Protein backbone atom coordinates (compact mmCIF):
# COMPACT_ATOMS: atom_id res chain seq x y z
CA UNK A 1 163.79 168.94 182.49
CA UNK A 2 163.12 171.83 181.32
CA UNK A 3 160.39 173.52 179.02
CA UNK A 4 162.62 173.18 175.83
CA UNK A 5 162.88 169.44 176.54
CA UNK A 6 159.52 168.93 177.32
CA UNK A 7 158.14 170.28 174.16
CA UNK A 8 161.37 167.80 172.06
CA UNK A 9 159.03 165.44 173.50
CA UNK A 10 156.25 166.14 171.71
CA UNK A 11 154.20 165.71 169.04
CA UNK A 12 154.96 169.31 166.82
CA UNK A 13 152.00 168.20 164.87
CA UNK A 14 149.94 168.92 167.73
CA UNK A 15 151.65 170.81 170.27
CA UNK A 16 153.53 173.94 170.27
CA UNK A 17 155.53 176.09 171.77
CA UNK A 18 153.70 179.67 172.35
CA UNK A 19 155.89 181.94 174.47
CA UNK A 20 159.21 181.28 176.67
CA UNK A 21 156.22 179.80 179.54
CA UNK A 22 154.06 177.61 178.23
CA UNK A 23 153.49 174.70 175.30
CA UNK A 24 149.66 174.73 173.94
CA UNK A 25 147.70 171.63 172.55
CA UNK A 26 147.06 173.30 168.88
CA UNK A 27 143.44 171.45 169.23
CA UNK A 28 142.17 173.34 171.74
CA UNK A 29 143.01 176.83 169.78
CA UNK A 30 139.62 177.91 169.53
CA UNK A 31 140.73 182.26 168.73
CA UNK A 32 143.61 184.25 167.80
CA UNK A 33 143.12 187.83 167.97
CA UNK A 34 145.57 189.93 167.06
CA UNK A 35 146.95 192.59 169.77
CA UNK A 36 149.28 195.71 168.98
CA UNK A 37 153.16 195.41 168.93
CA UNK A 38 152.87 191.95 166.92
CA UNK A 39 151.41 189.80 169.63
CA UNK A 40 148.65 187.29 169.61
CA UNK A 41 146.29 186.32 172.09
CA UNK A 42 145.20 182.76 172.14
CA UNK A 43 141.75 181.81 173.85
CA UNK A 44 141.77 177.97 174.28
CA UNK A 45 138.63 175.53 174.96
CA UNK A 46 138.74 175.83 178.88
CA UNK A 47 138.11 180.18 177.97
CA UNK A 48 142.40 180.37 178.91
CA UNK A 49 143.73 183.45 177.26
CA UNK A 50 147.37 182.99 176.74
CA UNK A 51 149.89 185.19 175.04
CA UNK A 52 151.58 184.49 171.65
CA UNK A 53 154.63 186.05 171.12
CA UNK A 54 156.83 187.65 168.10
CA UNK A 55 159.16 184.62 169.05
CA UNK A 56 156.73 181.78 168.72
CA UNK A 57 154.13 183.10 166.42
CA UNK A 58 155.49 181.44 163.20
CA UNK A 59 154.67 177.82 164.34
CA UNK A 60 150.87 178.62 164.99
CA UNK A 61 150.31 180.86 162.55
CA UNK A 62 151.96 178.90 159.42
CA UNK A 63 148.98 177.32 157.49
CA UNK A 64 147.97 174.04 157.82
CA UNK A 65 150.04 171.16 156.80
CA UNK A 66 149.68 167.64 155.84
CA UNK A 67 150.86 166.89 159.67
CA UNK A 68 148.44 169.24 160.75
CA UNK A 69 145.22 167.93 162.18
CA UNK A 70 142.66 170.98 161.54
CA UNK A 71 143.04 174.06 159.86
CA UNK A 72 143.97 176.62 162.63
CA UNK A 73 141.53 179.12 163.66
CA UNK A 74 141.35 182.53 162.02
CA UNK A 75 142.80 185.75 163.24
CA UNK A 76 140.88 188.27 164.60
CA UNK A 77 141.51 191.71 165.56
CA UNK A 78 141.48 192.92 168.56
CA UNK A 79 138.43 195.39 169.26
CA UNK A 80 141.13 198.33 170.16
CA UNK A 81 142.73 198.42 167.27
């Protein structure tokens, strides 16, 4: 089974693909940090940091909808920018 198949079986209001290798539970997103060249870094509740690629960012950065369980974290600027 490929990641795309798994992604299609998950509830889109709770899970989102963030790069070609990772699907995250949106409830576990603590912070979204803006990096250069349009990429973002996501901090999860377990302190893992994963890259949000430009290809998948629209889904994660979209405003809260009725199906979304909670507000999305605000986007923080990278200290280096």
